[in-house]
């Protein structure tokens, strides 16, 4: 069994790494609002992978950043909508 406490499957996919070991257990970390939903859709239903919604520190410099309170509200809404397991990468 492979246990990974923090990995980014969407970033991995952008780099061409799409096959995760079948026996992986871990936390797939979202780095921007909306990524948790994309991870849930792209990871196998039989996964033993927990999903976290998050906003990386670079989001603070992005065009869509309004305020910390707004960012927290986005993450809470995503967590509720997608039933994520955690909020992280904050």
PDB file of N, CA and C in Angstrom:
ATOM      1  N   UNK A   1       0.855  -1.180   0.000  1.00  0.00           N
ATOM      2  CA  UNK A   1       0.000   0.000   0.000  1.00  0.00           C
ATOM      3  C   UNK A   1       0.896   1.238   0.000  1.00  0.00           C
ATOM      4  N   UNK A   2       0.495   2.225  -0.766  1.00  0.00           N
ATOM      5  CA  UNK A   2       1.189   3.504  -0.805  1.00  0.00           C
ATOM      6  C   UNK A   2       0.289   4.534  -0.145  1.00  0.00           C
ATOM      7  N   UNK A   3       0.819   5.295   0.809  1.00  0.00           N
ATOM      8  CA  UNK A   3       0.057   6.350   1.473  1.00  0.00           C
ATOM      9  C   UNK A   3       0.738   7.676   1.175  1.00  0.00           C
ATOM     10  N   UNK A   4      -0.008   8.596   0.605  1.00  0.00           N
ATOM     11  CA  UNK A   4       0.516   9.928   0.303  1.00  0.00           C
ATOM     12  C   UNK A   4      -0.341  10.936   1.041  1.00  0.00           C
ATOM     13  N   UNK A   5       0.277  11.722   1.906  1.00  0.00           N
ATOM     14  CA  UNK A   5      -0.482  12.643   2.747  1.00  0.00           C
ATOM     15  C   UNK A   5      -0.844  13.944   2.043  1.00  0.00           C
ATOM     16  N   UNK A   6      -0.284  14.153   0.844  1.00  0.00           N
ATOM     17  CA  UNK A   6      -0.524  15.436   0.178  1.00  0.00           C
ATOM     18  C   UNK A   6      -0.032  15.344  -1.260  1.00  0.00           C
ATOM     19  N   UNK A   7      -0.960  15.227  -2.213  1.00  0.00           N
ATOM     20  CA  UNK A   7      -0.542  15.225  -3.611  1.00  0.00           C
ATOM     21  C   UNK A   7      -1.558  15.986  -4.453  1.00  0.00           C
ATOM     22  N   UNK A   8      -1.145  16.369  -5.643  1.00  0.00           N
ATOM     23  CA  UNK A   8      -1.945  17.218  -6.528  1.00  0.00           C
ATOM     24  C   UNK A   8      -2.216  16.485  -7.850  1.00  0.00           C
ATOM     25  N   UNK A   9      -3.291  15.707  -7.923  1.00  0.00           N
ATOM     26  CA  UNK A   9      -3.533  14.925  -9.136  1.00  0.00           C
ATOM     27  C   UNK A   9      -3.787  15.777 -10.376  1.00  0.00           C
ATOM     28  N   UNK A  10      -4.375  16.966 -10.237  1.00  0.00           N
ATOM     29  CA  UNK A  10      -4.614  17.796 -11.419  1.00  0.00           C
ATOM     30  C   UNK A  10      -3.301  18.331 -11.968  1.00  0.00           C
ATOM     31  N   UNK A  11      -2.386  18.719 -11.096  1.00  0.00           N
ATOM     32  CA  UNK A  11      -1.056  19.158 -11.541  1.00  0.00           C
ATOM     33  C   UNK A  11      -0.306  17.999 -12.175  1.00  0.00           C
ATOM     34  N   UNK A  12      -0.455  16.814 -11.592  1.00  0.00           N
ATOM     35  CA  UNK A  12       0.195  15.629 -12.154  1.00  0.00           C
ATOM     36  C   UNK A  12      -0.343  15.348 -13.553  1.00  0.00           C
ATOM     37  N   UNK A  13      -1.656  15.463 -13.741  1.00  0.00           N
ATOM     38  CA  UNK A  13      -2.263  15.205 -15.043  1.00  0.00           C
ATOM     39  C   UNK A  13      -1.760  16.194 -16.093  1.00  0.00           C
ATOM     40  N   UNK A  14      -1.578  17.456 -15.689  1.00  0.00           N
ATOM     41  CA  UNK A  14      -1.050  18.459 -16.625  1.00  0.00           C
ATOM     42  C   UNK A  14       0.363  18.101 -17.084  1.00  0.00           C
ATOM     43  N   UNK A  15       1.091  17.358 -16.255  1.00  0.00           N
ATOM     44  CA  UNK A  15       2.456  16.949 -16.598  1.00  0.00           C
ATOM     45  C   UNK A  15       2.481  15.586 -17.280  1.00  0.00           C
ATOM     46  N   UNK A  16       1.302  15.031 -17.561  1.00  0.00           N
ATOM     47  CA  UNK A  16       1.219  13.750 -18.247  1.00  0.00           C
ATOM     48  C   UNK A  16       1.223  12.541 -17.335  1.00  0.00           C
ATOM     49  N   UNK A  17       1.176  12.759 -16.033  1.00  0.00           N
ATOM     50  CA  UNK A  17       1.139  11.641 -15.081  1.00  0.00           C
ATOM     51  C   UNK A  17      -0.324  11.388 -14.751  1.00  0.00           C
ATOM     52  N   UNK A  18      -0.900  10.369 -15.350  1.00  0.00           N
ATOM     53  CA  UNK A  18      -2.333  10.148 -15.167  1.00  0.00           C
ATOM     54  C   UNK A  18      -2.658   8.847 -14.452  1.00  0.00           C
ATOM     55  N   UNK A  19      -1.727   7.918 -14.414  1.00  0.00           N
ATOM     56  CA  UNK A  19      -1.989   6.634 -13.775  1.00  0.00           C
ATOM     57  C   UNK A  19      -1.463   6.642 -12.349  1.00  0.00           C
ATOM     58  N   UNK A  20      -2.368   6.631 -11.398  1.00  0.00           N
ATOM     59  CA  UNK A  20      -1.980   6.515  -9.994  1.00  0.00           C
ATOM     60  C   UNK A  20      -1.920   5.031  -9.639  1.00  0.00           C
ATOM     61  N   UNK A  21      -1.030   4.655  -8.738  1.00  0.00           N
ATOM     62  CA  UNK A  21      -1.017   3.252  -8.305  1.00  0.00           C
ATOM     63  C   UNK A  21      -2.388   2.854  -7.768  1.00  0.00           C
ATOM     64  N   UNK A  22      -2.803   1.635  -8.100  1.00  0.00           N
ATOM     65  CA  UNK A  22      -4.133   1.185  -7.675  1.00  0.00           C
ATOM     66  C   UNK A  22      -4.263   1.093  -6.166  1.00  0.00           C
ATOM     67  N   UNK A  23      -3.149   0.888  -5.473  1.00  0.00           N
ATOM     68  CA  UNK A  23      -3.226   0.709  -4.033  1.00  0.00           C
ATOM     69  C   UNK A  23      -2.926   1.997  -3.267  1.00  0.00           C
ATOM     70  N   UNK A  24      -3.038   3.145  -3.926  1.00  0.00           N
ATOM     71  CA  UNK A  24      -2.729   4.406  -3.251  1.00  0.00           C
ATOM     72  C   UNK A  24      -3.858   4.813  -2.304  1.00  0.00           C
ATOM     73  N   UNK A  25      -3.464   5.300  -1.179  1.00  0.00           N
ATOM     74  CA  UNK A  25      -4.367   5.927  -0.230  1.00  0.00           C
ATOM     75  C   UNK A  25      -3.756   7.279   0.069  1.00  0.00           C
ATOM     76  N   UNK A  26      -4.565   8.345   0.064  1.00  0.00           N
ATOM     77  CA  UNK A  26      -3.976   9.641   0.339  1.00  0.00           C
ATOM     78  C   UNK A  26      -4.967  10.776   0.280  1.00  0.00           C
ATOM     79  N   UNK A  27      -4.418  11.969   0.330  1.00  0.00           N
ATOM     80  CA  UNK A  27      -5.220  13.187   0.273  1.00  0.00           C
ATOM     81  C   UNK A  27      -4.863  13.943  -1.000  1.00  0.00           C
ATOM     82  N   UNK A  28      -5.838  14.054  -1.889  1.00  0.00           N
ATOM     83  CA  UNK A  28      -5.679  14.828  -3.123  1.00  0.00           C
ATOM     84  C   UNK A  28      -6.057  16.266  -2.791  1.00  0.00           C
ATOM     85  N   UNK A  29      -5.094  17.160  -2.949  1.00  0.00           N
ATOM     86  CA  UNK A  29      -5.240  18.529  -2.475  1.00  0.00           C
ATOM     87  C   UNK A  29      -5.582  19.478  -3.614  1.00  0.00           C
ATOM     88  N   UNK A  30      -6.711  20.175  -3.464  1.00  0.00           N
ATOM     89  CA  UNK A  30      -7.067  21.224  -4.415  1.00  0.00           C
ATOM     90  C   UNK A  30      -6.279  22.479  -4.105  1.00  0.00           C
ATOM     91  N   UNK A  31      -5.908  23.208  -5.143  1.00  0.00           N
ATOM     92  CA  UNK A  31      -5.104  24.408  -4.942  1.00  0.00           C
ATOM     93  C   UNK A  31      -5.831  25.691  -5.311  1.00  0.00           C
ATOM     94  N   UNK A  32      -7.008  25.553  -5.912  1.00  0.00           N
ATOM     95  CA  UNK A  32      -7.826  26.706  -6.268  1.00  0.00           C
ATOM     96  C   UNK A  32      -9.291  26.306  -6.159  1.00  0.00           C
ATOM     97  N   UNK A  33     -10.166  27.271  -5.840  1.00  0.00           N
ATOM     98  CA  UNK A  33     -11.588  26.935  -5.792  1.00  0.00           C
ATOM     99  C   UNK A  33     -12.038  26.302  -7.113  1.00  0.00           C
ATOM    100  N   UNK A  34     -12.795  25.235  -7.011  1.00  0.00           N
ATOM    101  CA  UNK A  34     -13.289  24.531  -8.195  1.00  0.00           C
ATOM    102  C   UNK A  34     -12.531  23.250  -8.500  1.00  0.00           C
ATOM    103  N   UNK A  35     -11.321  23.108  -7.972  1.00  0.00           N
ATOM    104  CA  UNK A  35     -10.533  21.921  -8.283  1.00  0.00           C
ATOM    105  C   UNK A  35     -11.053  20.660  -7.603  1.00  0.00           C
ATOM    106  N   UNK A  36     -11.641  20.777  -6.439  1.00  0.00           N
ATOM    107  CA  UNK A  36     -12.143  19.586  -5.744  1.00  0.00           C
ATOM    108  C   UNK A  36     -13.180  18.882  -6.605  1.00  0.00           C
ATOM    109  N   UNK A  37     -14.066  19.654  -7.195  1.00  0.00           N
ATOM    110  CA  UNK A  37     -15.102  19.071  -8.056  1.00  0.00           C
ATOM    111  C   UNK A  37     -14.475  18.360  -9.253  1.00  0.00           C
ATOM    112  N   UNK A  38     -13.435  18.955  -9.833  1.00  0.00           N
ATOM    113  CA  UNK A  38     -12.747  18.336 -10.970  1.00  0.00           C
ATOM    114  C   UNK A  38     -12.041  17.049 -10.536  1.00  0.00           C
ATOM    115  N   UNK A  39     -11.448  17.035  -9.347  1.00  0.00           N
ATOM    116  CA  UNK A  39     -10.767  15.831  -8.875  1.00  0.00           C
ATOM    117  C   UNK A  39     -11.767  14.707  -8.627  1.00  0.00           C
ATOM    118  N   UNK A  40     -12.879  15.032  -8.021  1.00  0.00           N
ATOM    119  CA  UNK A  40     -13.894  14.014  -7.760  1.00  0.00           C
ATOM    120  C   UNK A  40     -14.358  13.381  -9.066  1.00  0.00           C
ATOM    121  N   UNK A  41     -14.536  14.205 -10.098  1.00  0.00           N
ATOM    122  CA  UNK A  41     -14.988  13.698 -11.395  1.00  0.00           C
ATOM    123  C   UNK A  41     -13.922  12.851 -12.087  1.00  0.00           C
ATOM    124  N   UNK A  42     -12.647  13.150 -11.857  1.00  0.00           N
ATOM    125  CA  UNK A  42     -11.596  12.469 -12.604  1.00  0.00           C
ATOM    126  C   UNK A  42     -10.994  11.256 -11.902  1.00  0.00           C
ATOM    127  N   UNK A  43     -11.160  11.150 -10.602  1.00  0.00           N
ATOM    128  CA  UNK A  43     -10.589  10.019  -9.880  1.00  0.00           C
ATOM    129  C   UNK A  43     -11.574   8.856  -9.868  1.00  0.00           C
ATOM    130  N   UNK A  44     -11.075   7.635  -9.894  1.00  0.00           N
ATOM    131  CA  UNK A  44     -11.968   6.466  -9.919  1.00  0.00           C
ATOM    132  C   UNK A  44     -12.874   6.415  -8.693  1.00  0.00           C
ATOM    133  N   UNK A  45     -14.080   5.911  -8.896  1.00  0.00           N
ATOM    134  CA  UNK A  45     -15.032   5.811  -7.784  1.00  0.00           C
ATOM    135  C   UNK A  45     -14.553   4.843  -6.716  1.00  0.00           C
ATOM    136  N   UNK A  46     -13.696   3.915  -7.091  1.00  0.00           N
ATOM    137  CA  UNK A  46     -13.209   2.916  -6.137  1.00  0.00           C
ATOM    138  C   UNK A  46     -12.005   3.433  -5.355  1.00  0.00           C
ATOM    139  N   UNK A  47     -11.728   4.702  -5.488  1.00  0.00           N
ATOM    140  CA  UNK A  47     -10.533   5.278  -4.868  1.00  0.00           C
ATOM    141  C   UNK A  47     -10.574   5.221  -3.354  1.00  0.00           C
ATOM    142  N   UNK A  48      -9.394   5.199  -2.791  1.00  0.00           N
ATOM    143  CA  UNK A  48      -9.231   5.375  -1.350  1.00  0.00           C
ATOM    144  C   UNK A  48      -8.469   6.687  -1.169  1.00  0.00           C
ATOM    145  N   UNK A  49      -8.982   7.684  -1.821  1.00  0.00           N
ATOM    146  CA  UNK A  49      -8.337   8.994  -1.830  1.00  0.00           C
ATOM    147  C   UNK A  49      -9.323   9.998  -1.261  1.00  0.00           C
ATOM    148  N   UNK A  50      -8.856  10.770  -0.313  1.00  0.00           N
ATOM    149  CA  UNK A  50      -9.664  11.823   0.279  1.00  0.00           C
ATOM    150  C   UNK A  50      -9.408  13.107  -0.500  1.00  0.00           C
ATOM    151  N   UNK A  51     -10.409  13.953  -0.591  1.00  0.00           N
ATOM    152  CA  UNK A  51     -10.322  15.180  -1.380  1.00  0.00           C
ATOM    153  C   UNK A  51     -10.353  16.389  -0.453  1.00  0.00           C
ATOM    154  N   UNK A  52      -9.451  17.342  -0.701  1.00  0.00           N
ATOM    155  CA  UNK A  52      -9.518  18.601   0.033  1.00  0.00           C
ATOM    156  C   UNK A  52      -9.694  19.755  -0.946  1.00  0.00           C
ATOM    157  N   UNK A  53     -10.495  20.715  -0.537  1.00  0.00           N
ATOM    158  CA  UNK A  53     -10.663  21.957  -1.294  1.00  0.00           C
ATOM    159  C   UNK A  53      -9.654  22.950  -0.744  1.00  0.00           C
ATOM    160  N   UNK A  54      -9.061  23.747  -1.607  1.00  0.00           N
ATOM    161  CA  UNK A  54      -8.069  24.687  -1.099  1.00  0.00           C
ATOM    162  C   UNK A  54      -7.790  25.836  -2.041  1.00  0.00           C
ATOM    163  N   UNK A  55      -7.085  26.801  -1.522  1.00  0.00           N
ATOM    164  CA  UNK A  55      -6.601  27.954  -2.289  1.00  0.00           C
ATOM    165  C   UNK A  55      -5.144  28.161  -1.913  1.00  0.00           C
ATOM    166  N   UNK A  56      -4.261  27.972  -2.870  1.00  0.00           N
ATOM    167  CA  UNK A  56      -2.844  28.179  -2.618  1.00  0.00           C
ATOM    168  C   UNK A  56      -2.537  29.658  -2.422  1.00  0.00           C
ATOM    169  N   UNK A  57      -1.396  29.967  -1.830  1.00  0.00           N
ATOM    170  CA  UNK A  57      -1.049  31.361  -1.547  1.00  0.00           C
ATOM    171  C   UNK A  57      -0.960  32.238  -2.790  1.00  0.00           C
ATOM    172  N   UNK A  58      -0.691  31.651  -3.951  1.00  0.00           N
ATOM    173  CA  UNK A  58      -0.620  32.415  -5.193  1.00  0.00           C
ATOM    174  C   UNK A  58      -1.970  32.994  -5.600  1.00  0.00           C
ATOM    175  N   UNK A  59      -3.058  32.435  -5.053  1.00  0.00           N
ATOM    176  CA  UNK A  59      -4.398  32.943  -5.368  1.00  0.00           C
ATOM    177  C   UNK A  59      -4.543  34.389  -4.898  1.00  0.00           C
ATOM    178  N   UNK A  60      -3.815  34.739  -3.837  1.00  0.00           N
ATOM    179  CA  UNK A  60      -3.871  36.113  -3.313  1.00  0.00           C
ATOM    180  C   UNK A  60      -3.448  37.147  -4.350  1.00  0.00           C
ATOM    181  N   UNK A  61      -2.604  36.758  -5.279  1.00  0.00           N
ATOM    182  CA  UNK A  61      -2.131  37.677  -6.316  1.00  0.00           C
ATOM    183  C   UNK A  61      -2.936  37.576  -7.605  1.00  0.00           C
ATOM    184  N   UNK A  62      -3.930  36.698  -7.637  1.00  0.00           N
ATOM    185  CA  UNK A  62      -4.693  36.477  -8.862  1.00  0.00           C
ATOM    186  C   UNK A  62      -5.768  37.511  -9.107  1.00  0.00           C
ATOM    187  N   UNK A  63      -6.244  37.537 -10.326  1.00  0.00           N
ATOM    188  CA  UNK A  63      -7.289  38.483 -10.744  1.00  0.00           C
ATOM    189  C   UNK A  63      -8.613  38.246 -10.035  1.00  0.00           C
ATOM    190  N   UNK A  64      -8.881  37.001  -9.640  1.00  0.00           N
ATOM    191  CA  UNK A  64     -10.170  36.665  -9.035  1.00  0.00           C
ATOM    192  C   UNK A  64     -10.210  36.884  -7.531  1.00  0.00           C
ATOM    193  N   UNK A  65      -9.076  37.231  -6.923  1.00  0.00           N
ATOM    194  CA  UNK A  65      -9.035  37.412  -5.472  1.00  0.00           C
ATOM    195  C   UNK A  65      -9.716  38.721  -5.085  1.00  0.00           C
ATOM    196  N   UNK A  66     -10.651  38.622  -4.142  1.00  0.00           N
ATOM    197  CA  UNK A  66     -11.360  39.800  -3.633  1.00  0.00           C
ATOM    198  C   UNK A  66     -10.931  40.078  -2.198  1.00  0.00           C
ATOM    199  N   UNK A  67     -11.061  39.062  -1.345  1.00  0.00           N
ATOM    200  CA  UNK A  67     -10.674  39.198   0.058  1.00  0.00           C
ATOM    201  C   UNK A  67     -10.524  37.804   0.653  1.00  0.00           C
ATOM    202  N   UNK A  68      -9.884  37.734   1.818  1.00  0.00           N
ATOM    203  CA  UNK A  68      -9.738  36.448   2.493  1.00  0.00           C
ATOM    204  C   UNK A  68     -11.108  35.876   2.859  1.00  0.00           C
ATOM    205  N   UNK A  69     -12.012  36.731   3.312  1.00  0.00           N
ATOM    206  CA  UNK A  69     -13.364  36.269   3.661  1.00  0.00           C
ATOM    207  C   UNK A  69     -14.077  35.688   2.451  1.00  0.00           C
ATOM    208  N   UNK A  70     -13.922  36.312   1.292  1.00  0.00           N
ATOM    209  CA  UNK A  70     -14.530  35.813   0.062  1.00  0.00           C
ATOM    210  C   UNK A  70     -13.934  34.455  -0.317  1.00  0.00           C
ATOM    211  N   UNK A  71     -12.629  34.324  -0.167  1.00  0.00           N
ATOM    212  CA  UNK A  71     -11.954  33.061  -0.500  1.00  0.00           C
ATOM    213  C   UNK A  71     -12.435  31.946   0.431  1.00  0.00           C
ATOM    214  N   UNK A  72     -12.564  32.244   1.710  1.00  0.00           N
ATOM    215  CA  UNK A  72     -13.058  31.254   2.675  1.00  0.00           C
ATOM    216  C   UNK A  72     -14.490  30.860   2.335  1.00  0.00           C
ATOM    217  N   UNK A  73     -15.308  31.813   1.946  1.00  0.00           N
ATOM    218  CA  UNK A  73     -16.698  31.512   1.568  1.00  0.00           C
ATOM    219  C   UNK A  73     -16.732  30.593   0.349  1.00  0.00           C
ATOM    220  N   UNK A  74     -15.861  30.837  -0.626  1.00  0.00           N
ATOM    221  CA  UNK A  74     -15.787  29.965  -1.814  1.00  0.00           C
ATOM    222  C   UNK A  74     -15.417  28.540  -1.418  1.00  0.00           C
ATOM    223  N   UNK A  75     -14.422  28.409  -0.541  1.00  0.00           N
ATOM    224  CA  UNK A  75     -13.988  27.077  -0.118  1.00  0.00           C
ATOM    225  C   UNK A  75     -15.063  26.360   0.681  1.00  0.00           C
ATOM    226  N   UNK A  76     -15.749  27.069   1.564  1.00  0.00           N
ATOM    227  CA  UNK A  76     -16.838  26.457   2.332  1.00  0.00           C
ATOM    228  C   UNK A  76     -17.957  25.999   1.404  1.00  0.00           C
ATOM    229  N   UNK A  77     -18.290  26.816   0.423  1.00  0.00           N
ATOM    230  CA  UNK A  77     -19.350  26.453  -0.529  1.00  0.00           C
ATOM    231  C   UNK A  77     -18.945  25.222  -1.336  1.00  0.00           C
ATOM    232  N   UNK A  78     -17.691  25.187  -1.778  1.00  0.00           N
ATOM    233  CA  UNK A  78     -17.213  24.029  -2.536  1.00  0.00           C
ATOM    234  C   UNK A  78     -17.199  22.777  -1.664  1.00  0.00           C
ATOM    235  N   UNK A  79     -16.765  22.919  -0.423  1.00  0.00           N
ATOM    236  CA  UNK A  79     -16.722  21.779   0.487  1.00  0.00           C
ATOM    237  C   UNK A  79     -18.120  21.206   0.703  1.00  0.00           C
ATOM    238  N   UNK A  80     -19.088  22.071   0.857  1.00  0.00           N
ATOM    239  CA  UNK A  80     -20.462  21.622   1.066  1.00  0.00           C
ATOM    240  C   UNK A  80     -21.041  21.012  -0.211  1.00  0.00           C
ATOM    241  N   UNK A  81     -20.836  21.681  -1.330  1.00  0.00           N
ATOM    242  CA  UNK A  81     -21.392  21.217  -2.611  1.00  0.00           C
ATOM    243  C   UNK A  81     -20.812  19.857  -3.006  1.00  0.00           C
ATOM    244  N   UNK A  82     -19.534  19.661  -2.793  1.00  0.00           N
ATOM    245  CA  UNK A  82     -18.850  18.456  -3.247  1.00  0.00           C
ATOM    246  C   UNK A  82     -18.658  17.407  -2.164  1.00  0.00           C
ATOM    247  N   UNK A  83     -19.055  17.726  -0.949  1.00  0.00           N
ATOM    248  CA  UNK A  83     -18.837  16.812   0.178  1.00  0.00           C
ATOM    249  C   UNK A  83     -17.373  16.394   0.277  1.00  0.00           C
ATOM    250  N   UNK A  84     -16.487  17.372   0.231  1.00  0.00           N
ATOM    251  CA  UNK A  84     -15.060  17.060   0.355  1.00  0.00           C
ATOM    252  C   UNK A  84     -14.738  16.601   1.770  1.00  0.00           C
ATOM    253  N   UNK A  85     -13.578  16.012   1.914  1.00  0.00           N
ATOM    254  CA  UNK A  85     -13.173  15.463   3.201  1.00  0.00           C
ATOM    255  C   UNK A  85     -12.424  16.464   4.066  1.00  0.00           C
ATOM    256  N   UNK A  86     -11.883  17.509   3.446  1.00  0.00           N
ATOM    257  CA  UNK A  86     -11.074  18.479   4.197  1.00  0.00           C
ATOM    258  C   UNK A  86     -10.970  19.783   3.431  1.00  0.00           C
ATOM    259  N   UNK A  87     -10.521  20.814   4.121  1.00  0.00           N
ATOM    260  CA  UNK A  87     -10.134  22.065   3.484  1.00  0.00           C
ATOM    261  C   UNK A  87      -8.648  22.234   3.782  1.00  0.00           C
ATOM    262  N   UNK A  88      -7.865  22.439   2.751  1.00  0.00           N
ATOM    263  CA  UNK A  88      -6.431  22.541   2.941  1.00  0.00           C
ATOM    264  C   UNK A  88      -5.783  23.294   1.797  1.00  0.00           C
ATOM    265  N   UNK A  89      -4.498  23.433   1.857  1.00  0.00           N
ATOM    266  CA  UNK A  89      -3.744  24.292   0.926  1.00  0.00           C
ATOM    267  C   UNK A  89      -4.269  25.719   1.051  1.00  0.00           C
ATOM    268  N   UNK A  90      -4.202  26.192   2.270  1.00  0.00           N
ATOM    269  CA  UNK A  90      -4.717  27.543   2.553  1.00  0.00           C
ATOM    270  C   UNK A  90      -3.599  28.420   3.090  1.00  0.00           C
TER     271      UNK A  90
END
